[in-house]
Amino acid sequence: VLMLATVATLLFLPACQSMSTEELKKSLEVVD
């Protein structure tokens, strides 16, 4: 159970990673 929980956590963490402030600024362009 512990190993399964650890594997699930490791798989789930990349999906939860947030965008850094710099990444956000470089990802958007305001138009119109």
ModelCIF file with pLDDT and N, C-alpha, C, O atoms, coordinates in Angstrom:
data_MODEL
#
_entry.id   MODEL 
#
_entity.id                         1 
_entity.type                       polymer 
_entity.pdbx_number_of_molecules   1 
#
_entity_poly.entity_id                      1 
_entity_poly.type                           'polypeptide(L)' 
_entity_poly.nstd_linkage                   no 
_entity_poly.nstd_monomer                   no 
_entity_poly.pdbx_seq_one_letter_code       VLMLATVATLLFLPACQSMSTEELKKSLEVVD 
_entity_poly.pdbx_seq_one_letter_code_can   VLMLATVATLLFLPACQSMSTEELKKSLEVVD 
_entity_poly.pdbx_strand_id                 A 
#
loop_
_entity_poly_seq.entity_id 
_entity_poly_seq.num 
_entity_poly_seq.mon_id 
_entity_poly_seq.hetero 
1 1  VAL n 
1 2  LEU n 
1 3  MET n 
1 4  LEU n 
1 5  ALA n 
1 6  THR n 
1 7  VAL n 
1 8  ALA n 
1 9  THR n 
1 10 LEU n 
1 11 LEU n 
1 12 PHE n 
1 13 LEU n 
1 14 PRO n 
1 15 ALA n 
1 16 CYS n 
1 17 GLN n 
1 18 SER n 
1 19 MET n 
1 20 SER n 
1 21 THR n 
1 22 GLU n 
1 23 GLU n 
1 24 LEU n 
1 25 LYS n 
1 26 LYS n 
1 27 SER n 
1 28 LEU n 
1 29 GLU n 
1 30 VAL n 
1 31 VAL n 
1 32 ASP n 
#
_struct_asym.id          A 
_struct_asym.entity_id   1 
#
loop_
_ma_qa_metric.id 
_ma_qa_metric.mode 
_ma_qa_metric.name 
_ma_qa_metric.software_group_id 
_ma_qa_metric.type 
1 global pLDDT . pLDDT 
2 local  pLDDT . pLDDT 
#
_ma_qa_metric_global.metric_id      1 
_ma_qa_metric_global.metric_value   66.31 
_ma_qa_metric_global.model_id       1 
_ma_qa_metric_global.ordinal_id     1 
#
loop_
_ma_qa_metric_local.label_asym_id 
_ma_qa_metric_local.label_comp_id 
_ma_qa_metric_local.label_seq_id 
_ma_qa_metric_local.metric_id 
_ma_qa_metric_local.metric_value 
_ma_qa_metric_local.model_id 
_ma_qa_metric_local.ordinal_id 
A VAL 1  2 45.00 1 1  
A LEU 2  2 47.00 1 2  
A MET 3  2 51.00 1 3  
A LEU 4  2 51.00 1 4  
A ALA 5  2 48.00 1 5  
A THR 6  2 49.00 1 6  
A VAL 7  2 46.00 1 7  
A ALA 8  2 46.00 1 8  
A THR 9  2 45.00 1 9  
A LEU 10 2 43.00 1 10 
A LEU 11 2 42.00 1 11 
A PHE 12 2 41.00 1 12 
A LEU 13 2 38.00 1 13 
A PRO 14 2 40.00 1 14 
A ALA 15 2 43.00 1 15 
A CYS 16 2 46.00 1 16 
A GLN 17 2 54.00 1 17 
A SER 18 2 69.00 1 18 
A MET 19 2 79.00 1 19 
A SER 20 2 85.00 1 20 
A THR 21 2 86.00 1 21 
A GLU 22 2 90.00 1 22 
A GLU 23 2 90.00 1 23 
A LEU 24 2 92.00 1 24 
A LYS 25 2 91.00 1 25 
A LYS 26 2 92.00 1 26 
A SER 27 2 93.00 1 27 
A LEU 28 2 93.00 1 28 
A GLU 29 2 96.00 1 29 
A VAL 30 2 97.00 1 30 
A VAL 31 2 97.00 1 31 
A ASP 32 2 97.00 1 32 
#
loop_
_atom_site.group_PDB 
_atom_site.id 
_atom_site.type_symbol 
_atom_site.label_atom_id 
_atom_site.label_alt_id 
_atom_site.label_comp_id 
_atom_site.label_asym_id 
_atom_site.label_entity_id 
_atom_site.label_seq_id 
_atom_site.pdbx_PDB_ins_code 
_atom_site.Cartn_x 
_atom_site.Cartn_y 
_atom_site.Cartn_z 
_atom_site.occupancy 
_atom_site.B_iso_or_equiv 
_atom_site.pdbx_formal_charge 
_atom_site.auth_seq_id 
_atom_site.auth_comp_id 
_atom_site.auth_asym_id 
_atom_site.auth_atom_id 
_atom_site.pdbx_PDB_model_num 
ATOM 1   N N  . VAL A 1 1  ? 0.838  -1.205 0.000   1.00 45.00 ? 1  VAL A N  1 
ATOM 2   C CA . VAL A 1 1  ? 0.000  0.000  0.000   1.00 45.00 ? 1  VAL A CA 1 
ATOM 3   C C  . VAL A 1 1  ? 0.868  1.249  0.000   1.00 45.00 ? 1  VAL A C  1 
ATOM 4   O O  . VAL A 1 1  ? 0.583  2.198  -0.730  1.00 45.00 ? 1  VAL A O  1 
ATOM 5   N N  . LEU A 1 2  ? 1.924  1.261  0.808   1.00 47.00 ? 2  LEU A N  1 
ATOM 6   C CA . LEU A 1 2  ? 2.840  2.415  0.850   1.00 47.00 ? 2  LEU A CA 1 
ATOM 7   C C  . LEU A 1 2  ? 3.524  2.627  -0.493  1.00 47.00 ? 2  LEU A C  1 
ATOM 8   O O  . LEU A 1 2  ? 3.665  3.762  -0.948  1.00 47.00 ? 2  LEU A O  1 
ATOM 9   N N  . MET A 1 3  ? 3.946  1.549  -1.122  1.00 51.00 ? 3  MET A N  1 
ATOM 10  C CA . MET A 1 3  ? 4.613  1.680  -2.426  1.00 51.00 ? 3  MET A CA 1 
ATOM 11  C C  . MET A 1 3  ? 3.625  2.196  -3.480  1.00 51.00 ? 3  MET A C  1 
ATOM 12  O O  . MET A 1 3  ? 3.970  3.041  -4.306  1.00 51.00 ? 3  MET A O  1 
ATOM 13  N N  . LEU A 1 4  ? 2.416  1.685  -3.440  1.00 51.00 ? 4  LEU A N  1 
ATOM 14  C CA . LEU A 1 4  ? 1.404  2.135  -4.386  1.00 51.00 ? 4  LEU A CA 1 
ATOM 15  C C  . LEU A 1 4  ? 1.080  3.611  -4.174  1.00 51.00 ? 4  LEU A C  1 
ATOM 16  O O  . LEU A 1 4  ? 0.927  4.361  -5.138  1.00 51.00 ? 4  LEU A O  1 
ATOM 17  N N  . ALA A 1 5  ? 0.975  4.022  -2.928  1.00 48.00 ? 5  ALA A N  1 
ATOM 18  C CA . ALA A 1 5  ? 0.713  5.427  -2.613  1.00 48.00 ? 5  ALA A CA 1 
ATOM 19  C C  . ALA A 1 5  ? 1.869  6.309  -3.079  1.00 48.00 ? 5  ALA A C  1 
ATOM 20  O O  . ALA A 1 5  ? 1.639  7.400  -3.601  1.00 48.00 ? 5  ALA A O  1 
ATOM 21  N N  . THR A 1 6  ? 3.089  5.859  -2.900  1.00 49.00 ? 6  THR A N  1 
ATOM 22  C CA . THR A 1 6  ? 4.264  6.630  -3.324  1.00 49.00 ? 6  THR A CA 1 
ATOM 23  C C  . THR A 1 6  ? 4.290  6.775  -4.840  1.00 49.00 ? 6  THR A C  1 
ATOM 24  O O  . THR A 1 6  ? 4.543  7.866  -5.352  1.00 49.00 ? 6  THR A O  1 
ATOM 25  N N  . VAL A 1 7  ? 4.031  5.691  -5.565  1.00 46.00 ? 7  VAL A N  1 
ATOM 26  C CA . VAL A 1 7  ? 4.024  5.734  -7.031  1.00 46.00 ? 7  VAL A CA 1 
ATOM 27  C C  . VAL A 1 7  ? 2.906  6.666  -7.518  1.00 46.00 ? 7  VAL A C  1 
ATOM 28  O O  . VAL A 1 7  ? 3.115  7.467  -8.428  1.00 46.00 ? 7  VAL A O  1 
ATOM 29  N N  . ALA A 1 8  ? 1.734  6.558  -6.917  1.00 46.00 ? 8  ALA A N  1 
ATOM 30  C CA . ALA A 1 8  ? 0.621  7.425  -7.305  1.00 46.00 ? 8  ALA A CA 1 
ATOM 31  C C  . ALA A 1 8  ? 0.950  8.889  -7.056  1.00 46.00 ? 8  ALA A C  1 
ATOM 32  O O  . ALA A 1 8  ? 0.626  9.749  -7.874  1.00 46.00 ? 8  ALA A O  1 
ATOM 33  N N  . THR A 1 9  ? 1.591  9.172  -5.931  1.00 45.00 ? 9  THR A N  1 
ATOM 34  C CA . THR A 1 9  ? 1.982  10.546 -5.610  1.00 45.00 ? 9  THR A CA 1 
ATOM 35  C C  . THR A 1 9  ? 2.992  11.065 -6.620  1.00 45.00 ? 9  THR A C  1 
ATOM 36  O O  . THR A 1 9  ? 2.876  12.199 -7.086  1.00 45.00 ? 9  THR A O  1 
ATOM 37  N N  . LEU A 1 10 ? 3.976  10.252 -6.962  1.00 43.00 ? 10 LEU A N  1 
ATOM 38  C CA . LEU A 1 10 ? 4.993  10.679 -7.916  1.00 43.00 ? 10 LEU A CA 1 
ATOM 39  C C  . LEU A 1 10 ? 4.404  10.910 -9.303  1.00 43.00 ? 10 LEU A C  1 
ATOM 40  O O  . LEU A 1 10 ? 4.855  11.798 -10.028 1.00 43.00 ? 10 LEU A O  1 
ATOM 41  N N  . LEU A 1 11 ? 3.408  10.126 -9.674  1.00 42.00 ? 11 LEU A N  1 
ATOM 42  C CA . LEU A 1 11 ? 2.746  10.335 -10.963 1.00 42.00 ? 11 LEU A CA 1 
ATOM 43  C C  . LEU A 1 11 ? 1.847  11.565 -10.947 1.00 42.00 ? 11 LEU A C  1 
ATOM 44  O O  . LEU A 1 11 ? 1.698  12.241 -11.964 1.00 42.00 ? 11 LEU A O  1 
ATOM 45  N N  . PHE A 1 12 ? 1.256  11.852 -9.812  1.00 41.00 ? 12 PHE A N  1 
ATOM 46  C CA . PHE A 1 12 ? 0.303  12.958 -9.692  1.00 41.00 ? 12 PHE A CA 1 
ATOM 47  C C  . PHE A 1 12 ? 0.989  14.313 -9.542  1.00 41.00 ? 12 PHE A C  1 
ATOM 48  O O  . PHE A 1 12 ? 0.438  15.326 -9.973  1.00 41.00 ? 12 PHE A O  1 
ATOM 49  N N  . LEU A 1 13 ? 2.175  14.356 -8.941  1.00 38.00 ? 13 LEU A N  1 
ATOM 50  C CA . LEU A 1 13 ? 2.864  15.628 -8.670  1.00 38.00 ? 13 LEU A CA 1 
ATOM 51  C C  . LEU A 1 13 ? 3.156  16.454 -9.923  1.00 38.00 ? 13 LEU A C  1 
ATOM 52  O O  . LEU A 1 13 ? 2.922  17.662 -9.895  1.00 38.00 ? 13 LEU A O  1 
ATOM 53  N N  . PRO A 1 14 ? 3.653  15.878 -11.019 1.00 40.00 ? 14 PRO A N  1 
ATOM 54  C CA . PRO A 1 14 ? 3.900  16.719 -12.195 1.00 40.00 ? 14 PRO A CA 1 
ATOM 55  C C  . PRO A 1 14 ? 2.637  17.402 -12.720 1.00 40.00 ? 14 PRO A C  1 
ATOM 56  O O  . PRO A 1 14 ? 2.707  18.517 -13.236 1.00 40.00 ? 14 PRO A O  1 
ATOM 57  N N  . ALA A 1 15 ? 1.503  16.753 -12.595 1.00 43.00 ? 15 ALA A N  1 
ATOM 58  C CA . ALA A 1 15 ? 0.253  17.363 -13.056 1.00 43.00 ? 15 ALA A CA 1 
ATOM 59  C C  . ALA A 1 15 ? -0.160 18.526 -12.171 1.00 43.00 ? 15 ALA A C  1 
ATOM 60  O O  . ALA A 1 15 ? -0.889 19.412 -12.614 1.00 43.00 ? 15 ALA A O  1 
ATOM 61  N N  . CYS A 1 16 ? 0.294  18.534 -10.933 1.00 46.00 ? 16 CYS A N  1 
ATOM 62  C CA . CYS A 1 16 ? -0.086 19.589 -9.990  1.00 46.00 ? 16 CYS A CA 1 
ATOM 63  C C  . CYS A 1 16 ? 0.909  20.739 -9.968  1.00 46.00 ? 16 CYS A C  1 
ATOM 64  O O  . CYS A 1 16 ? 0.655  21.769 -9.343  1.00 46.00 ? 16 CYS A O  1 
ATOM 65  N N  . GLN A 1 17 ? 2.035  20.570 -10.644 1.00 54.00 ? 17 GLN A N  1 
ATOM 66  C CA . GLN A 1 17 ? 3.031  21.630 -10.599 1.00 54.00 ? 17 GLN A CA 1 
ATOM 67  C C  . GLN A 1 17 ? 2.454  22.909 -11.163 1.00 54.00 ? 17 GLN A C  1 
ATOM 68  O O  . GLN A 1 17 ? 1.810  22.921 -12.212 1.00 54.00 ? 17 GLN A O  1 
ATOM 69  N N  . SER A 1 18 ? 2.700  23.968 -10.450 1.00 69.00 ? 18 SER A N  1 
ATOM 70  C CA . SER A 1 18 ? 2.176  25.246 -10.907 1.00 69.00 ? 18 SER A CA 1 
ATOM 71  C C  . SER A 1 18 ? 3.187  25.934 -11.803 1.00 69.00 ? 18 SER A C  1 
ATOM 72  O O  . SER A 1 18 ? 4.377  25.617 -11.806 1.00 69.00 ? 18 SER A O  1 
ATOM 73  N N  . MET A 1 19 ? 2.679  26.868 -12.550 1.00 79.00 ? 19 MET A N  1 
ATOM 74  C CA . MET A 1 19 ? 3.503  27.653 -13.450 1.00 79.00 ? 19 MET A CA 1 
ATOM 75  C C  . MET A 1 19 ? 4.203  28.741 -12.640 1.00 79.00 ? 19 MET A C  1 
ATOM 76  O O  . MET A 1 19 ? 3.577  29.384 -11.798 1.00 79.00 ? 19 MET A O  1 
ATOM 77  N N  . SER A 1 20 ? 5.459  28.947 -12.882 1.00 85.00 ? 20 SER A N  1 
ATOM 78  C CA . SER A 1 20 ? 6.174  30.016 -12.182 1.00 85.00 ? 20 SER A CA 1 
ATOM 79  C C  . SER A 1 20 ? 5.729  31.365 -12.740 1.00 85.00 ? 20 SER A C  1 
ATOM 80  O O  . SER A 1 20 ? 5.120  31.448 -13.806 1.00 85.00 ? 20 SER A O  1 
ATOM 81  N N  . THR A 1 21 ? 6.044  32.396 -12.003 1.00 86.00 ? 21 THR A N  1 
ATOM 82  C CA . THR A 1 21 ? 5.688  33.749 -12.431 1.00 86.00 ? 21 THR A CA 1 
ATOM 83  C C  . THR A 1 21 ? 6.344  34.077 -13.775 1.00 86.00 ? 21 THR A C  1 
ATOM 84  O O  . THR A 1 21 ? 5.710  34.660 -14.655 1.00 86.00 ? 21 THR A O  1 
ATOM 85  N N  . GLU A 1 22 ? 7.603  33.705 -13.924 1.00 90.00 ? 22 GLU A N  1 
ATOM 86  C CA . GLU A 1 22 ? 8.316  33.972 -15.185 1.00 90.00 ? 22 GLU A CA 1 
ATOM 87  C C  . GLU A 1 22 ? 7.727  33.176 -16.345 1.00 90.00 ? 22 GLU A C  1 
ATOM 88  O O  . GLU A 1 22 ? 7.586  33.700 -17.450 1.00 90.00 ? 22 GLU A O  1 
ATOM 89  N N  . GLU A 1 23 ? 7.380  31.907 -16.098 1.00 90.00 ? 23 GLU A N  1 
ATOM 90  C CA . GLU A 1 23 ? 6.762  31.092 -17.151 1.00 90.00 ? 23 GLU A CA 1 
ATOM 91  C C  . GLU A 1 23 ? 5.429  31.702 -17.594 1.00 90.00 ? 23 GLU A C  1 
ATOM 92  O O  . GLU A 1 23 ? 5.122  31.752 -18.785 1.00 90.00 ? 23 GLU A O  1 
ATOM 93  N N  . LEU A 1 24 ? 4.655  32.159 -16.630 1.00 92.00 ? 24 LEU A N  1 
ATOM 94  C CA . LEU A 1 24 ? 3.369  32.773 -16.956 1.00 92.00 ? 24 LEU A CA 1 
ATOM 95  C C  . LEU A 1 24 ? 3.563  34.015 -17.813 1.00 92.00 ? 24 LEU A C  1 
ATOM 96  O O  . LEU A 1 24 ? 2.877  34.198 -18.819 1.00 92.00 ? 24 LEU A O  1 
ATOM 97  N N  . LYS A 1 25 ? 4.496  34.859 -17.414 1.00 91.00 ? 25 LYS A N  1 
ATOM 98  C CA . LYS A 1 25 ? 4.744  36.101 -18.163 1.00 91.00 ? 25 LYS A CA 1 
ATOM 99  C C  . LYS A 1 25 ? 5.186  35.814 -19.592 1.00 91.00 ? 25 LYS A C  1 
ATOM 100 O O  . LYS A 1 25 ? 4.810  36.535 -20.515 1.00 91.00 ? 25 LYS A O  1 
ATOM 101 N N  . LYS A 1 26 ? 5.985  34.761 -19.781 1.00 92.00 ? 26 LYS A N  1 
ATOM 102 C CA . LYS A 1 26 ? 6.476  34.415 -21.115 1.00 92.00 ? 26 LYS A CA 1 
ATOM 103 C C  . LYS A 1 26 ? 5.457  33.643 -21.950 1.00 92.00 ? 26 LYS A C  1 
ATOM 104 O O  . LYS A 1 26 ? 5.667  33.434 -23.145 1.00 92.00 ? 26 LYS A O  1 
ATOM 105 N N  . SER A 1 27 ? 4.355  33.218 -21.329 1.00 93.00 ? 27 SER A N  1 
ATOM 106 C CA . SER A 1 27 ? 3.360  32.402 -22.030 1.00 93.00 ? 27 SER A CA 1 
ATOM 107 C C  . SER A 1 27 ? 2.208  33.202 -22.615 1.00 93.00 ? 27 SER A C  1 
ATOM 108 O O  . SER A 1 27 ? 1.494  32.708 -23.487 1.00 93.00 ? 27 SER A O  1 
ATOM 109 N N  . LEU A 1 28 ? 2.016  34.440 -22.143 1.00 93.00 ? 28 LEU A N  1 
ATOM 110 C CA . LEU A 1 28 ? 0.843  35.234 -22.526 1.00 93.00 ? 28 LEU A CA 1 
ATOM 111 C C  . LEU A 1 28 ? 1.209  36.438 -23.365 1.00 93.00 ? 28 LEU A C  1 
ATOM 112 O O  . LEU A 1 28 ? 2.244  37.074 -23.160 1.00 93.00 ? 28 LEU A O  1 
ATOM 113 N N  . GLU A 1 29 ? 0.337  36.737 -24.317 1.00 96.00 ? 29 GLU A N  1 
ATOM 114 C CA . GLU A 1 29 ? 0.406  37.998 -25.040 1.00 96.00 ? 29 GLU A CA 1 
ATOM 115 C C  . GLU A 1 29 ? -1.002 38.582 -25.045 1.00 96.00 ? 29 GLU A C  1 
ATOM 116 O O  . GLU A 1 29 ? -1.949 37.912 -25.456 1.00 96.00 ? 29 GLU A O  1 
ATOM 117 N N  . VAL A 1 30 ? -1.146 39.825 -24.590 1.00 97.00 ? 30 VAL A N  1 
ATOM 118 C CA . VAL A 1 30 ? -2.439 40.486 -24.561 1.00 97.00 ? 30 VAL A CA 1 
ATOM 119 C C  . VAL A 1 30 ? -2.661 41.137 -25.927 1.00 97.00 ? 30 VAL A C  1 
ATOM 120 O O  . VAL A 1 30 ? -1.833 41.917 -26.398 1.00 97.00 ? 30 VAL A O  1 
ATOM 121 N N  . VAL A 1 31 ? -3.801 40.800 -26.562 1.00 97.00 ? 31 VAL A N  1 
ATOM 122 C CA . VAL A 1 31 ? -4.110 41.320 -27.896 1.00 97.00 ? 31 VAL A CA 1 
ATOM 123 C C  . VAL A 1 31 ? -5.542 41.860 -27.916 1.00 97.00 ? 31 VAL A C  1 
ATOM 124 O O  . VAL A 1 31 ? -6.330 41.597 -27.008 1.00 97.00 ? 31 VAL A O  1 
ATOM 125 N N  . ASP A 1 32 ? -5.858 42.609 -28.951 1.00 97.00 ? 32 ASP A N  1 
ATOM 126 C CA . ASP A 1 32 ? -7.211 43.150 -29.177 1.00 97.00 ? 32 ASP A CA 1 
ATOM 127 C C  . ASP A 1 32 ? -7.733 43.930 -27.964 1.00 97.00 ? 32 ASP A C  1 
ATOM 128 O O  . ASP A 1 32 ? -8.851 44.445 -27.995 1.00 97.00 ? 32 ASP A O  1 
#
